[in-house]
Amino acid sequence: MTQAFPYKNFSLLGTTLVCAALLGGCATTDNLNRAQTTADQALQRADQASQKADQAMAAANAAKAAADQANQKADQANATAGEAKSTADAAKSESTATSEKLDRMFKKTMQK
């Protein structure tokens, strides 16, 4: 995913304007060579910045994918915990019912 960065265009435009101004005046070959060198360096730095931006975007996309996966696992864990709570609640309810039944049986036995 390569994106165009405006500073690259501005750098080239600025260098072109400087070269044109030098050509319009009393520009020497040395001045033109320095302007070209500066333009080349600016273009190289712009390319490096573009590469670093692409790398940062790739790292951000990888981090997003990892975060999405972690969220999915958290949702699964939450669902499992909900199921476990339901099972525990059912067991508690059954235990309470059994305890009440035993209490009634014990009371009946004591009354006889």
C-alpha atoms as a PDB file:
ATOM      1  CA  MET A   1       0.000   0.000   0.000  1.00  0.00           C
ATOM      2  CA  THR A   2       1.930   3.007  -1.244  1.00  0.00           C
ATOM      3  CA  GLN A   3       0.588   6.435  -0.508  1.00  0.00           C
ATOM      4  CA  ALA A   4       1.625   9.653  -2.183  1.00  0.00           C
ATOM      5  CA  PHE A   5       3.049  12.136   0.282  1.00  0.00           C
ATOM      6  CA  PRO A   6       2.602  15.813  -0.548  1.00  0.00           C
ATOM      7  CA  TYR A   7       6.062  16.804   0.726  1.00  0.00           C
ATOM      8  CA  LYS A   8       7.581  14.759  -2.064  1.00  0.00           C
ATOM      9  CA  ASN A   9       5.753  16.829  -4.657  1.00  0.00           C
ATOM     10  CA  PHE A  10       6.529  20.097  -2.880  1.00  0.00           C
ATOM     11  CA  SER A  11      10.196  19.153  -2.673  1.00  0.00           C
ATOM     12  CA  LEU A  12      10.386  18.457  -6.391  1.00  0.00           C
ATOM     13  CA  LEU A  13       8.426  21.620  -7.209  1.00  0.00           C
ATOM     14  CA  GLY A  14      10.668  23.725  -4.984  1.00  0.00           C
ATOM     15  CA  THR A  15      13.799  22.288  -6.509  1.00  0.00           C
ATOM     16  CA  THR A  16      12.455  22.901  -9.992  1.00  0.00           C
ATOM     17  CA  LEU A  17      11.683  26.503  -9.128  1.00  0.00           C
ATOM     18  CA  VAL A  18      15.174  26.994  -7.684  1.00  0.00           C
ATOM     19  CA  CYS A  19      16.723  25.507 -10.813  1.00  0.00           C
ATOM     20  CA  ALA A  20      14.559  27.709 -13.045  1.00  0.00           C
ATOM     21  CA  ALA A  21      15.508  30.782 -11.025  1.00  0.00           C
ATOM     22  CA  LEU A  22      19.166  29.878 -11.315  1.00  0.00           C
ATOM     23  CA  LEU A  23      18.826  29.320 -15.039  1.00  0.00           C
ATOM     24  CA  GLY A  24      17.038  32.636 -15.436  1.00  0.00           C
ATOM     25  CA  GLY A  25      19.834  34.484 -13.645  1.00  0.00           C
ATOM     26  CA  CYS A  26      23.527  34.040 -13.828  1.00  0.00           C
ATOM     27  CA  ALA A  27      23.577  30.391 -12.843  1.00  0.00           C
ATOM     28  CA  THR A  28      26.836  28.553 -12.911  1.00  0.00           C
ATOM     29  CA  THR A  29      27.233  24.858 -13.485  1.00  0.00           C
ATOM     30  CA  ASP A  30      28.306  24.535  -9.870  1.00  0.00           C
ATOM     31  CA  ASN A  31      25.045  26.139  -8.685  1.00  0.00           C
ATOM     32  CA  LEU A  32      22.998  23.836 -10.887  1.00  0.00           C
ATOM     33  CA  ASN A  33      24.904  20.780  -9.662  1.00  0.00           C
ATOM     34  CA  ARG A  34      24.309  21.767  -6.031  1.00  0.00           C
ATOM     35  CA  ALA A  35      20.616  22.313  -6.738  1.00  0.00           C
ATOM     36  CA  GLN A  36      20.370  18.911  -8.421  1.00  0.00           C
ATOM     37  CA  THR A  37      22.229  17.260  -5.549  1.00  0.00           C
ATOM     38  CA  THR A  38      19.869  18.890  -3.061  1.00  0.00           C
ATOM     39  CA  ALA A  39      16.881  17.748  -5.094  1.00  0.00           C
ATOM     40  CA  ASP A  40      18.247  14.207  -5.258  1.00  0.00           C
ATOM     41  CA  GLN A  41      18.806  14.158  -1.490  1.00  0.00           C
ATOM     42  CA  ALA A  42      15.308  15.482  -0.867  1.00  0.00           C
ATOM     43  CA  LEU A  43      13.819  12.838  -3.123  1.00  0.00           C
ATOM     44  CA  GLN A  44      15.849  10.115  -1.408  1.00  0.00           C
ATOM     45  CA  ARG A  45      14.679  11.263   2.032  1.00  0.00           C
ATOM     46  CA  ALA A  46      11.100  11.419   0.821  1.00  0.00           C
ATOM     47  CA  ASP A  47      11.388   7.844  -0.452  1.00  0.00           C
ATOM     48  CA  GLN A  48      12.841   6.732   2.898  1.00  0.00           C
ATOM     49  CA  ALA A  49      10.010   8.448   4.751  1.00  0.00           C
ATOM     50  CA  SER A  50       7.500   6.750   2.473  1.00  0.00           C
ATOM     51  CA  GLN A  51       9.058   3.339   3.164  1.00  0.00           C
ATOM     52  CA  LYS A  52       8.995   3.966   6.911  1.00  0.00           C
ATOM     53  CA  ALA A  53       5.359   5.023   6.693  1.00  0.00           C
ATOM     54  CA  ASP A  54       4.543   1.819   4.810  1.00  0.00           C
ATOM     55  CA  GLN A  55       6.349  -0.227   7.473  1.00  0.00           C
ATOM     56  CA  ALA A  56       4.476   1.578  10.226  1.00  0.00           C
ATOM     57  CA  MET A  57       1.186   0.888   8.452  1.00  0.00           C
ATOM     58  CA  ALA A  58       2.041  -2.798   8.161  1.00  0.00           C
ATOM     59  CA  ALA A  59       2.924  -2.931  11.874  1.00  0.00           C
ATOM     60  CA  ALA A  60      -0.330  -1.158  12.752  1.00  0.00           C
ATOM     61  CA  ASN A  61      -2.320  -3.622  10.638  1.00  0.00           C
ATOM     62  CA  ALA A  62      -0.593  -6.555  12.357  1.00  0.00           C
ATOM     63  CA  ALA A  63      -1.327  -5.053  15.779  1.00  0.00           C
ATOM     64  CA  LYS A  64      -4.981  -4.578  14.820  1.00  0.00           C
ATOM     65  CA  ALA A  65      -5.219  -8.205  13.703  1.00  0.00           C
ATOM     66  CA  ALA A  66      -3.690  -9.365  16.997  1.00  0.00           C
ATOM     67  CA  ALA A  67      -6.092  -7.156  18.960  1.00  0.00           C
ATOM     68  CA  ASP A  68      -9.062  -8.512  17.001  1.00  0.00           C
ATOM     69  CA  GLN A  69      -7.934 -12.055  17.733  1.00  0.00           C
ATOM     70  CA  ALA A  70      -7.515 -11.236  21.443  1.00  0.00           C
ATOM     71  CA  ASN A  71     -11.017  -9.749  21.522  1.00  0.00           C
ATOM     72  CA  GLN A  72     -12.405 -12.874  19.897  1.00  0.00           C
ATOM     73  CA  LYS A  73     -10.698 -15.084  22.497  1.00  0.00           C
ATOM     74  CA  ALA A  74     -11.984 -12.832  25.290  1.00  0.00           C
ATOM     75  CA  ASP A  75     -15.514 -13.159  23.922  1.00  0.00           C
ATOM     76  CA  GLN A  76     -15.126 -16.948  23.827  1.00  0.00           C
ATOM     77  CA  ALA A  77     -13.828 -16.950  27.409  1.00  0.00           C
ATOM     78  CA  ASN A  78     -16.760 -14.790  28.482  1.00  0.00           C
ATOM     79  CA  ALA A  79     -19.209 -17.201  26.833  1.00  0.00           C
ATOM     80  CA  THR A  80     -17.524 -20.158  28.564  1.00  0.00           C
ATOM     81  CA  ALA A  81     -17.699 -18.348  31.899  1.00  0.00           C
ATOM     82  CA  GLY A  82     -21.402 -17.678  31.311  1.00  0.00           C
ATOM     83  CA  GLU A  83     -22.002 -21.357  30.624  1.00  0.00           C
ATOM     84  CA  ALA A  84     -20.076 -22.317  33.761  1.00  0.00           C
ATOM     85  CA  LYS A  85     -22.148 -19.866  35.832  1.00  0.00           C
ATOM     86  CA  SER A  86     -25.365 -21.316  34.418  1.00  0.00           C
ATOM     87  CA  THR A  87     -24.207 -24.828  35.293  1.00  0.00           C
ATOM     88  CA  ALA A  88     -23.211 -23.726  38.797  1.00  0.00           C
ATOM     89  CA  ASP A  89     -26.542 -21.960  39.304  1.00  0.00           C
ATOM     90  CA  ALA A  90     -28.406 -25.087  38.168  1.00  0.00           C
ATOM     91  CA  ALA A  91     -26.331 -27.260  40.511  1.00  0.00           C
ATOM     92  CA  LYS A  92     -26.969 -24.877  43.392  1.00  0.00           C
ATOM     93  CA  SER A  93     -30.697 -24.917  42.672  1.00  0.00           C
ATOM     94  CA  GLU A  94     -30.717 -28.714  42.529  1.00  0.00           C
ATOM     95  CA  SER A  95     -28.720 -28.891  45.756  1.00  0.00           C
ATOM     96  CA  THR A  96     -31.159 -26.567  47.487  1.00  0.00           C
ATOM     97  CA  ALA A  97     -34.113 -28.661  46.276  1.00  0.00           C
ATOM     98  CA  THR A  98     -32.438 -31.857  47.473  1.00  0.00           C
ATOM     99  CA  SER A  99     -31.654 -30.295  50.836  1.00  0.00           C
ATOM    100  CA  GLU A 100     -35.264 -29.179  51.271  1.00  0.00           C
ATOM    101  CA  LYS A 101     -36.480 -32.648  50.321  1.00  0.00           C
ATOM    102  CA  LEU A 102     -34.160 -34.227  52.909  1.00  0.00           C
ATOM    103  CA  ASP A 103     -35.361 -31.763  55.540  1.00  0.00           C
ATOM    104  CA  ARG A 104     -39.005 -32.681  54.831  1.00  0.00           C
ATOM    105  CA  MET A 105     -38.169 -36.411  54.996  1.00  0.00           C
ATOM    106  CA  PHE A 106     -36.305 -35.907  58.289  1.00  0.00           C
ATOM    107  CA  LYS A 107     -39.222 -33.949  59.753  1.00  0.00           C
ATOM    108  CA  LYS A 108     -41.637 -36.707  58.698  1.00  0.00           C
ATOM    109  CA  THR A 109     -39.431 -39.317  60.298  1.00  0.00           C
ATOM    110  CA  MET A 110     -39.232 -37.330  63.529  1.00  0.00           C
ATOM    111  CA  GLN A 111     -42.998 -36.954  63.681  1.00  0.00           C
ATOM    112  CA  LYS A 112     -43.575 -40.703  63.617  1.00  0.00           C
END
